[in-house]
Amino acid sequence: MYTPINQWAEDDRPREKLLHKGKSVLSDSELLAILIGSGSRNESAVQLCQRILASTNNNLNSLGKLTIQQLIQFKGIGEAKAISIIAALELGRRRRVEETNELDVISSSKAVFEIMQPIIGELYYEEFWALYLNNANKVINKSQISKGGITGTVVDTRVVFKLALECNATSVILTHNHPSGKLLASAADKQITNVLKEAGRSLDVRVLDHVIITEKGYLSFVDEGIF
């Protein structure tokens, strides 16, 4: 039976719950309900948000990929509410990117994943990036080298090392995403890695690794013994 939120016990209302008990006690649907403010004639904002989350298997990463057009298919979600949801999730994504700035010393392939997953892990097209490091293995710059389609992107060796020389990097880590989610190094991936390693040797800029990123995992050429 539908009961409007303003008729709920005060301790159960999302806004009051956050105010008096703190943000951590709220469910994802309750937090989303605060964002959209109201539901529809037949369901509360919390029930509406539960339905939206259920459509993504209660996965916030999947929710963040929904477009405005997909969100407004839910009765009770108009353009303004859809924009609010998308904006909030984008802020969350950017916060994750900023938090990775604390992981500026590369000690493992996992550290590369932590830095790059929020940036390229959820894209539906490929992007190729380079992390530029100093002698202490600290990231002094990270840069997008190229972006392409669903199945690949073209990498210009000159661009990779022009940027390395500009920021006085002593080494570089290559990374790109696989939108398919498959953690397999293709023949093209191996070829460009070898080309860049050879180019780096002549410029005294070491290529330390090539890490393939997906939404949920990564593959390191060094870890896999294919570097």
Protein backbone atom coordinates (compact mmCIF):
# COMPACT_ATOMS: atom_id res chain seq x y z
CA MET A 1 0.00 0.00 0.00
CA TYR A 2 1.37 3.39 -1.00
CA THR A 3 1.99 5.91 1.79
CA PRO A 4 3.52 9.32 1.00
CA ILE A 5 6.85 9.98 2.71
CA ASN A 6 5.43 12.97 4.57
CA GLN A 7 3.12 10.52 6.37
CA TRP A 8 5.96 8.22 7.45
CA ALA A 9 7.31 8.25 10.99
CA GLU A 10 9.83 11.07 11.21
CA ASP A 11 12.74 8.69 11.92
CA ASP A 12 12.01 6.84 8.69
CA ARG A 13 11.94 9.86 6.38
CA PRO A 14 15.21 10.03 4.40
CA ARG A 15 15.93 13.73 5.01
CA GLU A 16 15.24 13.54 8.74
CA LYS A 17 17.11 10.25 8.98
CA LEU A 18 20.22 11.83 7.44
CA LEU A 19 19.90 14.89 9.65
CA HIS A 20 19.58 13.01 12.92
CA LYS A 21 21.44 9.74 12.28
CA GLY A 22 24.03 10.60 9.64
CA LYS A 23 24.48 9.76 5.96
CA SER A 24 25.97 6.29 6.46
CA VAL A 25 22.72 4.77 7.76
CA LEU A 26 20.76 5.59 4.60
CA SER A 27 20.32 3.03 1.85
CA ASP A 28 21.19 3.87 -1.77
CA SER A 29 17.50 4.25 -2.58
CA GLU A 30 17.00 6.64 0.33
CA LEU A 31 19.93 8.80 -0.78
CA LEU A 32 18.58 8.89 -4.33
CA ALA A 33 15.14 9.75 -2.98
CA ILE A 34 16.58 12.86 -1.32
CA LEU A 35 17.99 13.86 -4.71
CA ILE A 36 14.73 13.58 -6.63
CA GLY A 37 12.55 14.94 -3.83
CA SER A 38 9.28 13.25 -4.76
CA GLY A 39 7.91 10.14 -6.37
CA SER A 40 4.78 9.68 -8.45
CA ARG A 41 1.09 9.53 -7.65
CA ASN A 42 1.32 5.83 -6.92
CA GLU A 43 4.70 5.39 -5.20
CA SER A 44 7.00 7.26 -2.89
CA ALA A 45 10.37 8.64 -3.94
CA VAL A 46 12.05 5.77 -2.07
CA GLN A 47 9.93 3.14 -3.85
CA LEU A 48 10.63 4.78 -7.21
CA CYS A 49 14.38 4.78 -6.52
CA GLN A 50 14.25 1.16 -5.40
CA ARG A 51 12.68 0.32 -8.75
CA ILE A 52 15.33 2.26 -10.67
CA LEU A 53 18.15 0.60 -8.72
CA ALA A 54 16.59 -2.85 -9.22
CA SER A 55 16.80 -2.29 -12.99
CA THR A 56 20.60 -2.03 -12.63
CA ASN A 57 20.89 -4.95 -10.17
CA ASN A 58 21.45 -2.37 -7.43
CA ASN A 59 24.78 -1.43 -8.97
CA LEU A 60 25.65 2.26 -8.73
CA ASN A 61 28.28 1.98 -11.48
CA SER A 62 25.61 0.68 -13.83
CA LEU A 63 23.22 3.39 -12.69
CA GLY A 64 25.85 6.00 -13.53
CA LYS A 65 25.88 4.80 -17.14
CA LEU A 66 22.16 5.43 -17.71
CA THR A 67 21.32 8.35 -19.98
CA ILE A 68 18.68 10.99 -19.43
CA GLN A 69 16.48 9.26 -22.01
CA GLN A 70 16.76 5.94 -20.17
CA LEU A 71 15.99 7.47 -16.78
CA ILE A 72 12.88 9.33 -17.91
CA GLN A 73 11.36 6.02 -18.99
CA PHE A 74 10.60 5.47 -15.31
CA LYS A 75 7.24 6.95 -14.36
CA GLY A 76 7.87 9.77 -11.94
CA ILE A 77 11.27 10.72 -13.38
CA GLY A 78 11.27 13.79 -15.56
CA GLU A 79 14.20 15.51 -17.20
CA ALA A 80 15.06 17.60 -14.13
CA LYS A 81 15.18 14.58 -11.82
CA ALA A 82 17.19 12.58 -14.35
CA ILE A 83 19.73 15.41 -14.59
CA SER A 84 20.00 15.53 -10.78
CA ILE A 85 20.75 11.80 -10.62
CA ILE A 86 23.34 11.96 -13.40
CA ALA A 87 25.03 15.04 -11.90
CA ALA A 88 25.28 13.46 -8.45
CA LEU A 89 26.78 10.24 -9.78
CA GLU A 90 29.26 12.18 -11.91
CA LEU A 91 30.37 14.09 -8.80
CA GLY A 92 30.92 10.75 -7.09
CA ARG A 93 33.02 9.55 -10.02
CA ARG A 94 35.12 12.73 -9.95
CA ARG A 95 35.63 12.36 -6.22
CA ARG A 96 37.06 8.90 -6.82
CA VAL A 97 39.45 10.37 -9.40
CA GLU A 98 40.64 13.00 -6.93
CA GLU A 99 41.11 10.41 -4.20
CA THR A 100 43.48 8.46 -6.44
CA ASN A 101 45.79 11.46 -6.49
CA GLU A 102 46.99 10.22 -3.11
CA LEU A 103 48.20 7.05 -4.83
CA ASP A 104 50.88 8.90 -6.71
CA VAL A 105 53.67 6.40 -6.04
CA ILE A 106 53.45 3.40 -8.34
CA SER A 107 54.52 0.28 -6.47
CA SER A 108 52.36 -2.28 -8.28
CA SER A 109 50.03 -2.79 -11.20
CA LYS A 110 47.12 -2.51 -8.77
CA ALA A 111 48.11 1.10 -8.09
CA VAL A 112 47.81 1.78 -11.83
CA PHE A 113 44.34 0.23 -11.78
CA GLU A 114 43.28 2.37 -8.82
CA ILE A 115 44.38 5.52 -10.63
CA MET A 116 42.98 4.71 -14.07
CA GLN A 117 39.79 2.72 -13.43
CA PRO A 118 37.72 5.77 -12.45
CA ILE A 119 38.94 7.54 -15.59
CA ILE A 120 38.62 4.88 -18.30
CA GLY A 121 37.24 1.73 -16.69
CA GLU A 122 33.60 2.43 -17.49
CA LEU A 123 33.91 3.95 -20.96
CA TYR A 124 32.17 2.29 -23.92
CA TYR A 125 35.03 3.21 -26.28
CA GLU A 126 38.78 2.73 -26.02
CA GLU A 127 41.19 5.33 -24.70
CA PHE A 128 44.97 4.99 -24.49
CA TRP A 129 46.73 6.83 -21.66
CA ALA A 130 50.28 7.14 -20.39
CA LEU A 131 51.39 7.66 -16.79
CA TYR A 132 54.68 9.57 -16.59
CA LEU A 133 56.93 8.88 -13.61
CA ASN A 134 60.06 10.38 -12.07
CA ASN A 135 63.00 8.50 -10.54
CA ALA A 136 61.02 7.88 -7.34
CA ASN A 137 58.20 6.21 -9.33
CA LYS A 138 55.90 9.12 -8.54
CA VAL A 139 53.33 10.06 -11.16
CA ILE A 140 54.23 13.53 -12.37
CA ASN A 141 51.73 13.57 -15.22
CA LYS A 142 49.04 11.42 -16.78
CA SER A 143 47.76 12.08 -20.26
CA GLN A 144 45.31 10.74 -22.79
CA ILE A 145 47.26 9.76 -25.89
CA SER A 146 44.34 8.80 -28.09
CA LYS A 147 40.75 7.61 -28.11
CA GLY A 148 38.88 5.59 -30.63
CA GLY A 149 35.97 3.27 -31.17
CA ILE A 150 34.61 0.25 -29.38
CA THR A 151 37.32 -2.08 -30.68
CA GLY A 152 40.49 0.00 -30.78
CA THR A 153 42.43 3.23 -30.92
CA VAL A 154 45.54 4.42 -32.77
CA VAL A 155 48.64 5.31 -30.75
CA ASP A 156 51.25 7.78 -32.03
CA THR A 157 54.68 6.93 -30.62
CA ARG A 158 55.86 10.51 -31.08
CA VAL A 159 53.08 11.88 -28.89
CA VAL A 160 53.88 9.44 -26.07
CA PHE A 161 57.51 10.45 -25.85
CA LYS A 162 57.08 14.14 -26.68
CA LEU A 163 55.03 14.41 -23.48
CA ALA A 164 57.59 12.33 -21.57
CA LEU A 165 60.38 14.72 -22.52
CA GLU A 166 58.27 17.79 -21.78
CA CYS A 167 57.66 16.71 -18.17
CA ASN A 168 61.17 15.25 -17.68
CA ALA A 169 59.82 11.78 -17.02
CA THR A 170 62.31 8.95 -16.61
CA SER A 171 59.76 6.20 -17.18
CA VAL A 172 56.25 5.64 -18.48
CA ILE A 173 53.44 3.15 -17.88
CA LEU A 174 51.08 2.48 -20.76
CA THR A 175 47.41 1.82 -20.11
CA HIS A 176 44.22 1.48 -22.06
CA ASN A 177 40.73 0.13 -21.47
CA HIS A 178 38.81 -2.77 -22.96
CA PRO A 179 35.11 -1.83 -23.15
CA SER A 180 34.27 -5.49 -23.79
CA GLY A 181 35.45 -6.37 -20.29
CA LYS A 182 37.81 -9.02 -21.65
CA LEU A 183 41.19 -9.10 -19.93
CA LEU A 184 43.19 -10.43 -22.85
CA ALA A 185 46.12 -8.76 -24.59
CA SER A 186 45.54 -8.69 -28.34
CA ALA A 187 48.27 -9.01 -30.95
CA ALA A 188 47.88 -5.26 -31.59
CA ASP A 189 48.30 -4.53 -27.86
CA LYS A 190 51.54 -6.52 -27.79
CA GLN A 191 52.82 -4.93 -30.98
CA ILE A 192 52.35 -1.33 -29.86
CA THR A 193 53.92 -2.19 -26.51
CA ASN A 194 57.04 -3.53 -28.21
CA VAL A 195 57.23 -0.51 -30.52
CA LEU A 196 57.01 1.89 -27.57
CA LYS A 197 59.55 -0.08 -25.52
CA GLU A 198 62.06 0.16 -28.35
CA ALA A 199 61.40 3.87 -28.85
CA GLY A 200 61.81 4.47 -25.12
CA ARG A 201 65.20 2.78 -25.05
CA SER A 202 66.59 5.19 -27.62
CA LEU A 203 65.37 8.16 -25.57
CA ASP A 204 66.37 6.73 -22.18
CA VAL A 205 62.73 6.68 -21.05
CA ARG A 206 61.82 3.22 -19.74
CA VAL A 207 58.43 1.69 -20.48
CA LEU A 208 57.71 -0.10 -17.20
CA ASP A 209 54.43 -1.86 -17.95
CA HIS A 210 51.27 -1.90 -20.03
CA VAL A 211 48.08 -2.29 -18.01
CA ILE A 212 44.71 -3.11 -19.58
CA ILE A 213 41.79 -1.74 -17.56
CA THR A 214 38.18 -2.90 -17.42
CA GLU A 215 35.34 -1.89 -15.14
CA LYS A 216 36.12 -4.59 -12.61
CA GLY A 217 39.68 -5.72 -13.21
CA TYR A 218 43.00 -5.29 -14.95
CA LEU A 219 45.75 -7.16 -16.76
CA SER A 220 49.39 -6.23 -16.34
CA PHE A 221 51.82 -7.26 -19.06
CA VAL A 222 54.58 -7.51 -16.42
CA ASP A 223 52.48 -9.61 -14.02
CA GLU A 224 51.47 -11.93 -16.86
CA GLY A 225 55.05 -12.32 -18.11
CA ILE A 226 54.24 -10.98 -21.59
CA PHE A 227 56.12 -7.71 -21.26
